[in-house]
């Protein structure tokens, strides 16, 4: 199976991340989980182009500045491999729109790890909190969402 290429962005305002509670799609690997905003690359897009398009589509916001923080290799069961380009941004403009993939909510950064999130997300939230420069993180999950391995490089 072809690996997927995606972006994921954590937008920051007043000590909070803009989180997406994935509750609107039935067939969604992230169903009922809280994640950042982003999505799949379209043909020929760079990570930056994908990031800007996906953030605009999902939130209505336009990023004015952003920082590439790392690459997360997400392996799920026997069939899914995703290379996720992880970004943060604290400079944006525009009015938020309703997202067709879930509910957008500003969540205090200190409370994010208490939400139903992927176990491995706690690893990269820790790296973001440490202000680590660009990192590579590999997360391996079983098909029942159990984190089997987390390797930081």
Protein backbone atom coordinates (compact mmCIF):
# COMPACT_ATOMS: atom_id res chain seq x y z
CA UNK A 1 0.00 0.00 0.00
CA UNK A 2 1.21 3.52 -0.86
CA UNK A 3 2.29 5.63 2.11
CA UNK A 4 0.13 8.70 2.73
CA UNK A 5 1.58 12.21 2.88
CA UNK A 6 -0.14 14.62 5.26
CA UNK A 7 0.28 17.83 7.21
CA UNK A 8 -0.79 18.50 10.78
CA UNK A 9 -0.78 21.94 12.37
CA UNK A 10 -1.25 23.11 15.93
CA UNK A 11 -2.39 26.73 15.84
CA UNK A 12 -1.60 28.58 19.07
CA UNK A 13 -3.49 31.50 20.67
CA UNK A 14 -3.34 32.66 24.29
CA UNK A 15 -1.73 29.45 25.58
CA UNK A 16 -4.25 27.27 23.73
CA UNK A 17 -4.11 24.92 20.73
CA UNK A 18 -6.88 24.92 18.16
CA UNK A 19 -8.05 21.30 18.33
CA UNK A 20 -10.37 19.41 16.01
CA UNK A 21 -12.67 16.86 17.69
CA UNK A 22 -13.23 14.37 14.84
CA UNK A 23 -16.91 13.51 15.18
CA UNK A 24 -18.51 14.15 11.78
CA UNK A 25 -17.18 11.38 9.50
CA UNK A 26 -18.23 7.75 9.96
CA UNK A 27 -15.21 6.09 8.30
CA UNK A 28 -12.45 8.04 10.02
CA UNK A 29 -9.32 6.55 11.59
CA UNK A 30 -9.37 9.58 13.93
CA UNK A 31 -13.07 9.22 14.86
CA UNK A 32 -13.82 10.68 18.32
CA UNK A 33 -10.17 11.71 18.80
CA UNK A 34 -8.88 15.26 19.19
CA UNK A 35 -6.17 16.29 16.72
CA UNK A 36 -4.76 19.41 15.08
CA UNK A 37 -5.85 20.59 11.63
CA UNK A 38 -4.40 19.44 8.34
CA UNK A 39 -4.84 16.74 5.76
CA UNK A 40 -3.62 14.88 2.70
CA UNK A 41 -1.38 16.33 0.03
CA UNK A 42 -2.92 16.96 -3.38
CA UNK A 43 -0.86 16.01 -6.42
CA UNK A 44 2.23 18.20 -6.78
CA UNK A 45 1.79 20.11 -3.52
CA UNK A 46 4.68 20.94 -1.23
CA UNK A 47 4.20 20.47 2.54
CA UNK A 48 3.79 24.25 2.88
CA UNK A 49 1.14 24.44 0.14
CA UNK A 50 -0.78 21.52 1.66
CA UNK A 51 -0.59 23.09 5.12
CA UNK A 52 -1.91 26.48 4.00
CA UNK A 53 -4.72 24.96 1.90
CA UNK A 54 -5.86 22.48 4.56
CA UNK A 55 -5.82 25.06 7.39
CA UNK A 56 -7.88 27.45 5.24
CA UNK A 57 -10.37 24.70 4.22
CA UNK A 58 -10.85 23.34 7.75
CA UNK A 59 -10.78 26.55 9.79
CA UNK A 60 -11.24 29.56 7.48
CA UNK A 61 -7.98 30.96 8.88
CA UNK A 62 -4.98 32.10 6.82
CA UNK A 63 -1.60 31.38 8.38
CA UNK A 64 0.69 34.43 8.26
CA UNK A 65 3.68 32.53 9.62
CA UNK A 66 4.36 28.93 10.64
CA UNK A 67 7.20 26.68 11.65
CA UNK A 68 8.00 23.13 10.50
CA UNK A 69 8.55 21.17 13.73
CA UNK A 70 9.07 17.60 12.58
CA UNK A 71 8.13 14.55 10.58
CA UNK A 72 6.00 11.90 12.25
CA UNK A 73 6.04 8.44 10.68
CA UNK A 74 2.69 6.92 11.68
CA UNK A 75 2.38 3.15 11.20
CA UNK A 76 -1.03 1.64 11.95
CA UNK A 77 -1.59 -2.10 11.76
CA UNK A 78 -0.52 -3.85 8.56
CA UNK A 79 -2.00 -1.45 6.00
CA UNK A 80 -1.41 2.19 6.92
CA UNK A 81 1.80 4.21 6.77
CA UNK A 82 1.60 7.98 6.90
CA UNK A 83 4.36 10.57 6.79
CA UNK A 84 2.96 13.54 8.66
CA UNK A 85 4.63 16.95 8.38
CA UNK A 86 4.07 18.62 11.76
CA UNK A 87 3.78 22.43 12.00
CA UNK A 88 2.91 25.06 14.59
CA UNK A 89 1.68 28.60 14.01
CA UNK A 90 0.83 31.53 16.25
CA UNK A 91 0.27 34.12 13.51
CA UNK A 92 -2.94 33.96 11.51
CA UNK A 93 -5.88 36.05 10.35
CA UNK A 94 -9.48 35.55 9.33
CA UNK A 95 -12.73 34.35 10.81
CA UNK A 96 -13.18 30.74 11.86
CA UNK A 97 -15.71 28.69 9.93
CA UNK A 98 -17.54 25.50 10.83
CA UNK A 99 -15.46 22.45 9.93
CA UNK A 100 -17.11 19.56 8.07
CA UNK A 101 -14.79 17.03 9.78
CA UNK A 102 -15.54 17.88 13.41
CA UNK A 103 -15.80 20.55 16.06
CA UNK A 104 -13.04 23.19 16.39
CA UNK A 105 -12.23 24.22 19.97
CA UNK A 106 -9.46 26.25 21.62
CA UNK A 107 -8.04 23.99 24.34
CA UNK A 108 -5.48 25.10 26.97
CA UNK A 109 -2.15 23.48 26.05
CA UNK A 110 -1.86 22.15 29.61
CA UNK A 111 -5.13 20.18 29.16
CA UNK A 112 -4.61 18.72 25.68
CA UNK A 113 -3.09 15.43 26.92
CA UNK A 114 -6.22 14.83 29.07
CA UNK A 115 -8.40 14.62 25.93
CA UNK A 116 -9.01 11.42 23.94
CA UNK A 117 -5.91 11.72 21.71
CA UNK A 118 -3.56 9.19 20.14
CA UNK A 119 -1.11 7.95 22.80
CA UNK A 120 1.84 8.87 20.56
CA UNK A 121 0.60 12.45 20.25
CA UNK A 122 1.68 12.89 23.88
CA UNK A 123 5.25 12.19 22.72
CA UNK A 124 5.28 14.94 20.10
CA UNK A 125 3.42 17.35 22.41
CA UNK A 126 6.31 16.81 24.84
CA UNK A 127 8.83 17.53 22.09
CA UNK A 128 6.93 20.69 21.11
CA UNK A 129 6.83 21.79 24.76
CA UNK A 130 10.61 21.26 25.03
CA UNK A 131 10.90 23.53 21.98
CA UNK A 132 12.92 20.85 20.22
CA UNK A 133 14.21 21.85 16.85
CA UNK A 134 13.09 19.76 13.89
CA UNK A 135 12.62 16.12 14.95
CA UNK A 136 11.73 12.79 13.43
CA UNK A 137 9.34 10.60 15.40
CA UNK A 138 8.17 7.10 14.49
CA UNK A 139 4.94 5.85 16.06
CA UNK A 140 3.86 2.24 15.54
CA UNK A 141 0.33 1.18 16.49
CA UNK A 142 -1.54 -2.10 16.44
CA UNK A 143 -4.83 -2.12 14.51
CA UNK A 144 -6.67 -1.75 17.85
CA UNK A 145 -5.03 1.66 18.53
CA UNK A 146 -2.39 0.37 20.98
CA UNK A 147 0.93 2.22 20.79
CA UNK A 148 3.64 -0.42 20.26
CA UNK A 149 6.68 1.79 19.68
CA UNK A 150 7.70 5.46 19.81
CA UNK A 151 11.18 6.35 18.56
CA UNK A 152 12.54 9.91 18.47
CA UNK A 153 15.47 10.72 16.19
